[in-house]
Amino acid sequence: MEQYKIDFESMEWQSPAVGVRFKAHEQGSRKLRLVEFAKGFIEQDWCTKGHIGYLLQGQMEINFDGKLITFGQGDGVFIPAGKKHKAKVLTDTAKAILVEDV
């Protein structure tokens, strides 16, 4: 069944690792996530999943295999699948909307 409106308020937070939590909705081959990162969060492993998103609040730095790029509130993020990257939060929290392939 297609769902046109995603009610994040009614969803419970999931926490796959220390310093990060998310709410997610999957439909077809896509996943929409509201993600909140805590201050000092640093991804432990290199990620190679593709992400497209928008930073709602906060600031984070993404290490693209040695190239550091800082993202702030209102910035769009585009990470192609296969691109090695790690995120680090620079503010008390950072919140983003991410769209990913399932």
PDB file of N, CA and C in Angstrom:
ATOM      1  N   MET A   1       0.834  -1.174   0.000  1.00  0.00           N
ATOM      2  CA  MET A   1       0.000   0.000   0.000  1.00  0.00           C
ATOM      3  C   MET A   1       0.885   1.246   0.000  1.00  0.00           C
ATOM      4  N   GLU A   2       0.616   2.175  -0.891  1.00  0.00           N
ATOM      5  CA  GLU A   2       1.364   3.414  -0.931  1.00  0.00           C
ATOM      6  C   GLU A   2       0.947   4.313   0.220  1.00  0.00           C
ATOM      7  N   GLN A   3       1.938   4.985   0.785  1.00  0.00           N
ATOM      8  CA  GLN A   3       1.671   5.926   1.855  1.00  0.00           C
ATOM      9  C   GLN A   3       2.216   7.274   1.412  1.00  0.00           C
ATOM     10  N   TYR A   4       1.385   8.274   1.412  1.00  0.00           N
ATOM     11  CA  TYR A   4       1.789   9.581   0.910  1.00  0.00           C
ATOM     12  C   TYR A   4       2.300  10.503   2.013  1.00  0.00           C
ATOM     13  N   LYS A   5       1.807  10.328   3.221  1.00  0.00           N
ATOM     14  CA  LYS A   5       2.226  11.162   4.346  1.00  0.00           C
ATOM     15  C   LYS A   5       2.912  10.272   5.377  1.00  0.00           C
ATOM     16  N   ILE A   6       4.125  10.641   5.748  1.00  0.00           N
ATOM     17  CA  ILE A   6       4.891   9.880   6.732  1.00  0.00           C
ATOM     18  C   ILE A   6       4.812  10.620   8.059  1.00  0.00           C
ATOM     19  N   ASP A   7       4.244   9.986   9.080  1.00  0.00           N
ATOM     20  CA  ASP A   7       4.058  10.596  10.392  1.00  0.00           C
ATOM     21  C   ASP A   7       5.199  10.176  11.317  1.00  0.00           C
ATOM     22  N   PHE A   8       6.305  10.918  11.256  1.00  0.00           N
ATOM     23  CA  PHE A   8       7.454  10.592  12.100  1.00  0.00           C
ATOM     24  C   PHE A   8       7.122  10.698  13.590  1.00  0.00           C
ATOM     25  N   GLU A   9       6.201  11.592  13.946  1.00  0.00           N
ATOM     26  CA  GLU A   9       5.839  11.771  15.355  1.00  0.00           C
ATOM     27  C   GLU A   9       5.288  10.484  15.983  1.00  0.00           C
ATOM     28  N   SER A  10       4.618   9.657  15.203  1.00  0.00           N
ATOM     29  CA  SER A  10       4.016   8.439  15.745  1.00  0.00           C
ATOM     30  C   SER A  10       4.988   7.251  15.775  1.00  0.00           C
ATOM     31  N   MET A  11       6.177   7.430  15.223  1.00  0.00           N
ATOM     32  CA  MET A  11       7.166   6.339  15.171  1.00  0.00           C
ATOM     33  C   MET A  11       8.086   6.371  16.380  1.00  0.00           C
ATOM     34  N   GLU A  12       8.565   5.190  16.764  1.00  0.00           N
ATOM     35  CA  GLU A  12       9.541   5.098  17.843  1.00  0.00           C
ATOM     36  C   GLU A  12      10.950   5.227  17.275  1.00  0.00           C
ATOM     37  N   TRP A  13      11.836   5.812  18.079  1.00  0.00           N
ATOM     38  CA  TRP A  13      13.233   5.933  17.675  1.00  0.00           C
ATOM     39  C   TRP A  13      13.906   4.568  17.711  1.00  0.00           C
ATOM     40  N   GLN A  14      14.776   4.313  16.766  1.00  0.00           N
ATOM     41  CA  GLN A  14      15.629   3.122  16.749  1.00  0.00           C
ATOM     42  C   GLN A  14      17.062   3.611  16.922  1.00  0.00           C
ATOM     43  N   SER A  15      17.860   2.878  17.696  1.00  0.00           N
ATOM     44  CA  SER A  15      19.228   3.312  17.948  1.00  0.00           C
ATOM     45  C   SER A  15      20.207   2.182  17.623  1.00  0.00           C
ATOM     46  N   PRO A  16      20.773   2.186  16.409  1.00  0.00           N
ATOM     47  CA  PRO A  16      21.669   1.106  16.000  1.00  0.00           C
ATOM     48  C   PRO A  16      23.073   1.210  16.586  1.00  0.00           C
ATOM     49  N   ALA A  17      23.451   2.400  17.092  1.00  0.00           N
ATOM     50  CA  ALA A  17      24.786   2.599  17.661  1.00  0.00           C
ATOM     51  C   ALA A  17      24.737   3.772  18.634  1.00  0.00           C
ATOM     52  N   VAL A  18      25.735   3.869  19.488  1.00  0.00           N
ATOM     53  CA  VAL A  18      25.816   4.963  20.451  1.00  0.00           C
ATOM     54  C   VAL A  18      25.945   6.281  19.695  1.00  0.00           C
ATOM     55  N   GLY A  19      25.114   7.249  20.052  1.00  0.00           N
ATOM     56  CA  GLY A  19      25.203   8.576  19.473  1.00  0.00           C
ATOM     57  C   GLY A  19      24.379   8.807  18.226  1.00  0.00           C
ATOM     58  N   VAL A  20      23.596   7.814  17.820  1.00  0.00           N
ATOM     59  CA  VAL A  20      22.748   7.998  16.641  1.00  0.00           C
ATOM     60  C   VAL A  20      21.422   7.271  16.844  1.00  0.00           C
ATOM     61  N   ARG A  21      20.354   7.906  16.390  1.00  0.00           N
ATOM     62  CA  ARG A  21      19.036   7.276  16.418  1.00  0.00           C
ATOM     63  C   ARG A  21      18.272   7.744  15.200  1.00  0.00           C
ATOM     64  N   PHE A  22      17.265   6.937  14.802  1.00  0.00           N
ATOM     65  CA  PHE A  22      16.510   7.285  13.600  1.00  0.00           C
ATOM     66  C   PHE A  22      15.100   6.733  13.646  1.00  0.00           C
ATOM     67  N   LYS A  23      14.255   7.316  12.792  1.00  0.00           N
ATOM     68  CA  LYS A  23      12.913   6.835  12.510  1.00  0.00           C
ATOM     69  C   LYS A  23      12.889   6.619  11.009  1.00  0.00           C
ATOM     70  N   ALA A  24      12.338   5.494  10.558  1.00  0.00           N
ATOM     71  CA  ALA A  24      12.417   5.186   9.131  1.00  0.00           C
ATOM     72  C   ALA A  24      11.097   4.660   8.587  1.00  0.00           C
ATOM     73  N   HIS A  25      10.882   4.970   7.314  1.00  0.00           N
ATOM     74  CA  HIS A  25       9.743   4.444   6.569  1.00  0.00           C
ATOM     75  C   HIS A  25      10.275   3.890   5.255  1.00  0.00           C
ATOM     76  N   GLU A  26       9.939   2.628   4.969  1.00  0.00           N
ATOM     77  CA  GLU A  26      10.331   2.004   3.702  1.00  0.00           C
ATOM     78  C   GLU A  26       9.108   1.844   2.825  1.00  0.00           C
ATOM     79  N   GLN A  27       9.308   2.130   1.545  1.00  0.00           N
ATOM     80  CA  GLN A  27       8.245   1.923   0.574  1.00  0.00           C
ATOM     81  C   GLN A  27       8.895   1.579  -0.753  1.00  0.00           C
ATOM     82  N   GLY A  28       8.558   0.426  -1.285  1.00  0.00           N
ATOM     83  CA  GLY A  28       9.193  -0.026  -2.521  1.00  0.00           C
ATOM     84  C   GLY A  28      10.684  -0.212  -2.304  1.00  0.00           C
ATOM     85  N   SER A  29      11.480   0.406  -3.134  1.00  0.00           N
ATOM     86  CA  SER A  29      12.928   0.249  -3.042  1.00  0.00           C
ATOM     87  C   SER A  29      13.609   1.428  -2.350  1.00  0.00           C
ATOM     88  N   ARG A  30      12.813   2.279  -1.673  1.00  0.00           N
ATOM     89  CA  ARG A  30      13.356   3.473  -1.013  1.00  0.00           C
ATOM     90  C   ARG A  30      13.079   3.475   0.482  1.00  0.00           C
ATOM     91  N   LYS A  31      13.977   4.144   1.195  1.00  0.00           N
ATOM     92  CA  LYS A  31      13.806   4.333   2.635  1.00  0.00           C
ATOM     93  C   LYS A  31      13.969   5.820   2.936  1.00  0.00           C
ATOM     94  N   LEU A  32      13.050   6.367   3.725  1.00  0.00           N
ATOM     95  CA  LEU A  32      13.117   7.745   4.192  1.00  0.00           C
ATOM     96  C   LEU A  32      13.412   7.695   5.683  1.00  0.00           C
ATOM     97  N   ARG A  33      14.507   8.365   6.101  1.00  0.00           N
ATOM     98  CA  ARG A  33      14.888   8.343   7.522  1.00  0.00           C
ATOM     99  C   ARG A  33      15.014   9.752   8.078  1.00  0.00           C
ATOM    100  N   LEU A  34      14.511   9.944   9.289  1.00  0.00           N
ATOM    101  CA  LEU A  34      14.797  11.113  10.105  1.00  0.00           C
ATOM    102  C   LEU A  34      15.885  10.648  11.061  1.00  0.00           C
ATOM    103  N   VAL A  35      17.064  11.255  10.974  1.00  0.00           N
ATOM    104  CA  VAL A  35      18.215  10.795  11.744  1.00  0.00           C
ATOM    105  C   VAL A  35      18.689  11.904  12.669  1.00  0.00           C
ATOM    106  N   GLU A  36      18.984  11.532  13.915  1.00  0.00           N
ATOM    107  CA  GLU A  36      19.529  12.479  14.884  1.00  0.00           C
ATOM    108  C   GLU A  36      20.854  11.932  15.402  1.00  0.00           C
ATOM    109  N   PHE A  37      21.882  12.757  15.295  1.00  0.00           N
ATOM    110  CA  PHE A  37      23.220  12.391  15.748  1.00  0.00           C
ATOM    111  C   PHE A  37      23.560  13.220  16.979  1.00  0.00           C
ATOM    112  N   ALA A  38      24.214  12.616  17.970  1.00  0.00           N
ATOM    113  CA  ALA A  38      24.630  13.320  19.176  1.00  0.00           C
ATOM    114  C   ALA A  38      26.025  13.906  19.001  1.00  0.00           C
ATOM    115  N   LYS A  39      26.331  14.920  19.811  1.00  0.00           N
ATOM    116  CA  LYS A  39      27.639  15.579  19.765  1.00  0.00           C
ATOM    117  C   LYS A  39      28.754  14.548  19.900  1.00  0.00           C
ATOM    118  N   GLY A  40      29.743  14.703  19.072  1.00  0.00           N
ATOM    119  CA  GLY A  40      30.896  13.819  19.131  1.00  0.00           C
ATOM    120  C   GLY A  40      30.717  12.502  18.400  1.00  0.00           C
ATOM    121  N   PHE A  41      29.522  12.259  17.841  1.00  0.00           N
ATOM    122  CA  PHE A  41      29.325  11.014  17.104  1.00  0.00           C
ATOM    123  C   PHE A  41      30.302  10.950  15.938  1.00  0.00           C
ATOM    124  N   ILE A  42      30.980   9.815  15.835  1.00  0.00           N
ATOM    125  CA  ILE A  42      31.869   9.546  14.708  1.00  0.00           C
ATOM    126  C   ILE A  42      31.573   8.129  14.249  1.00  0.00           C
ATOM    127  N   GLU A  43      31.285   7.958  12.974  1.00  0.00           N
ATOM    128  CA  GLU A  43      31.055   6.613  12.456  1.00  0.00           C
ATOM    129  C   GLU A  43      32.303   5.774  12.679  1.00  0.00           C
ATOM    130  N   GLN A  44      32.115   4.575  13.183  1.00  0.00           N
ATOM    131  CA  GLN A  44      33.243   3.693  13.472  1.00  0.00           C
ATOM    132  C   GLN A  44      33.835   3.085  12.209  1.00  0.00           C
ATOM    133  N   ASP A  45      32.977   2.740  11.271  1.00  0.00           N
ATOM    134  CA  ASP A  45      33.426   2.074  10.048  1.00  0.00           C
ATOM    135  C   ASP A  45      33.127   2.946   8.836  1.00  0.00           C
ATOM    136  N   TRP A  46      33.859   2.722   7.783  1.00  0.00           N
ATOM    137  CA  TRP A  46      33.611   3.420   6.530  1.00  0.00           C
ATOM    138  C   TRP A  46      32.302   2.921   5.936  1.00  0.00           C
ATOM    139  N   CYS A  47      31.443   3.849   5.524  1.00  0.00           N
ATOM    140  CA  CYS A  47      30.158   3.520   4.909  1.00  0.00           C
ATOM    141  C   CYS A  47      30.302   3.661   3.396  1.00  0.00           C
ATOM    142  N   THR A  48      29.652   2.774   2.645  1.00  0.00           N
ATOM    143  CA  THR A  48      29.674   2.886   1.186  1.00  0.00           C
ATOM    144  C   THR A  48      28.256   2.947   0.602  1.00  0.00           C
ATOM    145  N   LYS A  49      27.240   3.081   1.475  1.00  0.00           N
ATOM    146  CA  LYS A  49      25.863   3.218   0.999  1.00  0.00           C
ATOM    147  C   LYS A  49      25.668   4.607   0.394  1.00  0.00           C
ATOM    148  N   GLY A  50      24.771   4.709  -0.560  1.00  0.00           N
ATOM    149  CA  GLY A  50      24.431   6.005  -1.128  1.00  0.00           C
ATOM    150  C   GLY A  50      23.405   6.712  -0.260  1.00  0.00           C
ATOM    151  N   HIS A  51      23.554   8.022  -0.112  1.00  0.00           N
ATOM    152  CA  HIS A  51      22.623   8.831   0.674  1.00  0.00           C
ATOM    153  C   HIS A  51      22.340  10.133  -0.067  1.00  0.00           C
ATOM    154  N   ILE A  52      21.093  10.554  -0.026  1.00  0.00           N
ATOM    155  CA  ILE A  52      20.703  11.883  -0.467  1.00  0.00           C
ATOM    156  C   ILE A  52      19.917  12.468   0.685  1.00  0.00           C
ATOM    157  N   GLY A  53      20.227  13.701   1.080  1.00  0.00           N
ATOM    158  CA  GLY A  53      19.531  14.232   2.235  1.00  0.00           C
ATOM    159  C   GLY A  53      19.640  15.726   2.392  1.00  0.00           C
ATOM    160  N   TYR A  54      19.146  16.171   3.548  1.00  0.00           N
ATOM    161  CA  TYR A  54      19.063  17.579   3.878  1.00  0.00           C
ATOM    162  C   TYR A  54      19.317  17.707   5.372  1.00  0.00           C
ATOM    163  N   LEU A  55      20.252  18.577   5.757  1.00  0.00           N
ATOM    164  CA  LEU A  55      20.565  18.787   7.170  1.00  0.00           C
ATOM    165  C   LEU A  55      19.583  19.794   7.755  1.00  0.00           C
ATOM    166  N   LEU A  56      18.746  19.330   8.676  1.00  0.00           N
ATOM    167  CA  LEU A  56      17.720  20.169   9.294  1.00  0.00           C
ATOM    168  C   LEU A  56      18.285  21.083  10.364  1.00  0.00           C
ATOM    169  N   GLN A  57      19.252  20.572  11.128  1.00  0.00           N
ATOM    170  CA  GLN A  57      19.870  21.372  12.188  1.00  0.00           C
ATOM    171  C   GLN A  57      21.251  20.825  12.498  1.00  0.00           C
ATOM    172  N   GLY A  58      22.089  21.681  13.053  1.00  0.00           N
ATOM    173  CA  GLY A  58      23.413  21.270  13.473  1.00  0.00           C
ATOM    174  C   GLY A  58      24.448  21.365  12.374  1.00  0.00           C
ATOM    175  N   GLN A  59      25.604  20.791  12.692  1.00  0.00           N
ATOM    176  CA  GLN A  59      26.721  20.809  11.760  1.00  0.00           C
ATOM    177  C   GLN A  59      27.466  19.488  11.863  1.00  0.00           C
ATOM    178  N   MET A  60      27.867  18.973  10.719  1.00  0.00           N
ATOM    179  CA  MET A  60      28.649  17.744  10.712  1.00  0.00           C
ATOM    180  C   MET A  60      29.699  17.806   9.616  1.00  0.00           C
ATOM    181  N   GLU A  61      30.703  16.974   9.798  1.00  0.00           N
ATOM    182  CA  GLU A  61      31.796  16.894   8.843  1.00  0.00           C
ATOM    183  C   GLU A  61      31.793  15.487   8.270  1.00  0.00           C
ATOM    184  N   ILE A  62      31.921  15.385   6.966  1.00  0.00           N
ATOM    185  CA  ILE A  62      31.991  14.068   6.343  1.00  0.00           C
ATOM    186  C   ILE A  62      33.365  13.914   5.712  1.00  0.00           C
ATOM    187  N   ASN A  63      34.013  12.826   6.071  1.00  0.00           N
ATOM    188  CA  ASN A  63      35.332  12.489   5.549  1.00  0.00           C
ATOM    189  C   ASN A  63      35.113  11.571   4.350  1.00  0.00           C
ATOM    190  N   PHE A  64      35.442  12.075   3.174  1.00  0.00           N
ATOM    191  CA  PHE A  64      35.339  11.288   1.948  1.00  0.00           C
ATOM    192  C   PHE A  64      36.722  10.723   1.638  1.00  0.00           C
ATOM    193  N   ASP A  65      37.081   9.663   2.363  1.00  0.00           N
ATOM    194  CA  ASP A  65      38.365   8.984   2.165  1.00  0.00           C
ATOM    195  C   ASP A  65      39.529   9.979   2.156  1.00  0.00           C
ATOM    196  N   GLY A  66      39.545  10.870   3.171  1.00  0.00           N
ATOM    197  CA  GLY A  66      40.633  11.828   3.327  1.00  0.00           C
ATOM    198  C   GLY A  66      40.274  13.260   2.981  1.00  0.00           C
ATOM    199  N   LYS A  67      39.194  13.496   2.260  1.00  0.00           N
ATOM    200  CA  LYS A  67      38.746  14.852   1.925  1.00  0.00           C
ATOM    201  C   LYS A  67      37.609  15.223   2.868  1.00  0.00           C
ATOM    202  N   LEU A  68      37.811  16.251   3.721  1.00  0.00           N
ATOM    203  CA  LEU A  68      36.817  16.657   4.706  1.00  0.00           C
ATOM    204  C   LEU A  68      35.929  17.764   4.162  1.00  0.00           C
ATOM    205  N   ILE A  69      34.607  17.566   4.269  1.00  0.00           N
ATOM    206  CA  ILE A  69      33.636  18.574   3.852  1.00  0.00           C
ATOM    207  C   ILE A  69      32.680  18.809   5.020  1.00  0.00           C
ATOM    208  N   THR A  70      32.464  20.088   5.372  1.00  0.00           N
ATOM    209  CA  THR A  70      31.569  20.449   6.472  1.00  0.00           C
ATOM    210  C   THR A  70      30.193  20.802   5.912  1.00  0.00           C
ATOM    211  N   PHE A  71      29.155  20.272   6.549  1.00  0.00           N
ATOM    212  CA  PHE A  71      27.766  20.525   6.178  1.00  0.00           C
ATOM    213  C   PHE A  71      27.069  21.199   7.353  1.00  0.00           C
ATOM    214  N   GLY A  72      26.258  22.220   7.068  1.00  0.00           N
ATOM    215  CA  GLY A  72      25.515  22.923   8.097  1.00  0.00           C
ATOM    216  C   GLY A  72      24.033  22.926   7.801  1.00  0.00           C
ATOM    217  N   GLN A  73      23.274  23.469   8.743  1.00  0.00           N
ATOM    218  CA  GLN A  73      21.822  23.548   8.604  1.00  0.00           C
ATOM    219  C   GLN A  73      21.447  24.125   7.249  1.00  0.00           C
ATOM    220  N   GLY A  74      20.567  23.442   6.543  1.00  0.00           N
ATOM    221  CA  GLY A  74      20.095  23.891   5.245  1.00  0.00           C
ATOM    222  C   GLY A  74      20.877  23.345   4.070  1.00  0.00           C
ATOM    223  N   ASP A  75      21.965  22.648   4.343  1.00  0.00           N
ATOM    224  CA  ASP A  75      22.762  22.070   3.256  1.00  0.00           C
ATOM    225  C   ASP A  75      22.176  20.751   2.784  1.00  0.00           C
ATOM    226  N   GLY A  76      22.228  20.547   1.495  1.00  0.00           N
ATOM    227  CA  GLY A  76      21.880  19.259   0.913  1.00  0.00           C
ATOM    228  C   GLY A  76      23.117  18.372   0.909  1.00  0.00           C
ATOM    229  N   VAL A  77      22.894  17.082   0.971  1.00  0.00           N
ATOM    230  CA  VAL A  77      23.983  16.108   0.984  1.00  0.00           C
ATOM    231  C   VAL A  77      23.716  15.093  -0.122  1.00  0.00           C
ATOM    232  N   PHE A  78      24.718  14.841  -0.945  1.00  0.00           N
ATOM    233  CA  PHE A  78      24.607  13.812  -1.970  1.00  0.00           C
ATOM    234  C   PHE A  78      25.848  12.944  -1.905  1.00  0.00           C
ATOM    235  N   ILE A  79      25.662  11.685  -1.532  1.00  0.00           N
ATOM    236  CA  ILE A  79      26.777  10.740  -1.448  1.00  0.00           C
ATOM    237  C   ILE A  79      26.439   9.565  -2.362  1.00  0.00           C
ATOM    238  N   PRO A  80      27.153   9.418  -3.469  1.00  0.00           N
ATOM    239  CA  PRO A  80      26.869   8.305  -4.381  1.00  0.00           C
ATOM    240  C   PRO A  80      27.198   6.960  -3.741  1.00  0.00           C
ATOM    241  N   ALA A  81      26.436   5.939  -4.103  1.00  0.00           N
ATOM    242  CA  ALA A  81      26.716   4.581  -3.623  1.00  0.00           C
ATOM    243  C   ALA A  81      28.131   4.203  -4.029  1.00  0.00           C
ATOM    244  N   GLY A  82      28.835   3.540  -3.103  1.00  0.00           N
ATOM    245  CA  GLY A  82      30.194   3.097  -3.367  1.00  0.00           C
ATOM    246  C   GLY A  82      31.250   4.088  -2.931  1.00  0.00           C
ATOM    247  N   LYS A  83      30.862   5.339  -2.621  1.00  0.00           N
ATOM    248  CA  LYS A  83      31.806   6.371  -2.191  1.00  0.00           C
ATOM    249  C   LYS A  83      32.096   6.185  -0.703  1.00  0.00           C
ATOM    250  N   LYS A  84      33.329   5.884  -0.360  1.00  0.00           N
ATOM    251  CA  LYS A  84      33.747   5.625   1.022  1.00  0.00           C
ATOM    252  C   LYS A  84      33.668   6.923   1.841  1.00  0.00           C
ATOM    253  N   HIS A  85      32.927   6.874   2.993  1.00  0.00           N
ATOM    254  CA  HIS A  85      32.755   8.073   3.805  1.00  0.00           C
ATOM    255  C   HIS A  85      32.491   7.748   5.270  1.00  0.00           C
ATOM    256  N   LYS A  86      32.801   8.725   6.142  1.00  0.00           N
ATOM    257  CA  LYS A  86      32.532   8.658   7.577  1.00  0.00           C
ATOM    258  C   LYS A  86      32.029  10.018   8.028  1.00  0.00           C
ATOM    259  N   ALA A  87      31.032  10.025   8.910  1.00  0.00           N
ATOM    260  CA  ALA A  87      30.480  11.284   9.417  1.00  0.00           C
ATOM    261  C   ALA A  87      30.942  11.538  10.847  1.00  0.00           C
ATOM    262  N   LYS A  88      31.073  12.841  11.175  1.00  0.00           N
ATOM    263  CA  LYS A  88      31.426  13.280  12.531  1.00  0.00           C
ATOM    264  C   LYS A  88      30.564  14.496  12.852  1.00  0.00           C
ATOM    265  N   VAL A  89      29.921  14.509  14.030  1.00  0.00           N
ATOM    266  CA  VAL A  89      29.057  15.614  14.432  1.00  0.00           C
ATOM    267  C   VAL A  89      29.896  16.681  15.139  1.00  0.00           C
ATOM    268  N   LEU A  90      29.690  17.942  14.769  1.00  0.00           N
ATOM    269  CA  LEU A  90      30.466  19.052  15.318  1.00  0.00           C
ATOM    270  C   LEU A  90      29.691  19.900  16.325  1.00  0.00           C
ATOM    271  N   THR A  91      28.368  19.758  16.395  1.00  0.00           N
ATOM    272  CA  THR A  91      27.519  20.539  17.294  1.00  0.00           C
ATOM    273  C   THR A  91      26.875  19.611  18.318  1.00  0.00           C
ATOM    274  N   ASP A  92      26.067  20.177  19.237  1.00  0.00           N
ATOM    275  CA  ASP A  92      25.421  19.341  20.264  1.00  0.00           C
ATOM    276  C   ASP A  92      24.616  18.211  19.648  1.00  0.00           C
ATOM    277  N   THR A  93      23.874  18.512  18.595  1.00  0.00           N
ATOM    278  CA  THR A  93      23.156  17.492  17.838  1.00  0.00           C
ATOM    279  C   THR A  93      23.147  17.912  16.368  1.00  0.00           C
ATOM    280  N   ALA A  94      22.902  16.967  15.540  1.00  0.00           N
ATOM    281  CA  ALA A  94      22.670  17.226  14.120  1.00  0.00           C
ATOM    282  C   ALA A  94      21.498  16.348  13.709  1.00  0.00           C
ATOM    283  N   LYS A  95      20.584  16.923  12.975  1.00  0.00           N
ATOM    284  CA  LYS A  95      19.389  16.193  12.549  1.00  0.00           C
ATOM    285  C   LYS A  95      19.274  16.313  11.042  1.00  0.00           C
ATOM    286  N   ALA A  96      18.969  15.191  10.392  1.00  0.00           N
ATOM    287  CA  ALA A  96      18.899  15.178   8.923  1.00  0.00           C
ATOM    288  C   ALA A  96      17.766  14.293   8.449  1.00  0.00           C
ATOM    289  N   ILE A  97      17.318  14.579   7.240  1.00  0.00           N
ATOM    290  CA  ILE A  97      16.420  13.698   6.502  1.00  0.00           C
ATOM    291  C   ILE A  97      17.287  13.027   5.432  1.00  0.00           C
ATOM    292  N   LEU A  98      17.240  11.705   5.361  1.00  0.00           N
ATOM    293  CA  LEU A  98      18.022  10.957   4.380  1.00  0.00           C
ATOM    294  C   LEU A  98      17.112  10.042   3.571  1.00  0.00           C
ATOM    295  N   VAL A  99      17.388   9.948   2.286  1.00  0.00           N
ATOM    296  CA  VAL A  99      16.688   9.033   1.394  1.00  0.00           C
ATOM    297  C   VAL A  99      17.728   8.042   0.878  1.00  0.00           C
ATOM    298  N   GLU A 100      17.400   6.765   0.977  1.00  0.00           N
ATOM    299  CA  GLU A 100      18.351   5.719   0.601  1.00  0.00           C
ATOM    300  C   GLU A 100      17.641   4.593  -0.140  1.00  0.00           C
ATOM    301  N   ASP A 101      18.407   3.884  -0.940  1.00  0.00           N
ATOM    302  CA  ASP A 101      17.880   2.671  -1.562  1.00  0.00           C
ATOM    303  C   ASP A 101      17.849   1.567  -0.522  1.00  0.00           C
ATOM    304  N   VAL A 102      16.844   0.714  -0.594  1.00  0.00           N
ATOM    305  CA  VAL A 102      16.724  -0.410   0.341  1.00  0.00           C
ATOM    306  C   VAL A 102      17.509  -1.587  -0.197  1.00  0.00           C
TER     307      VAL A 102
END
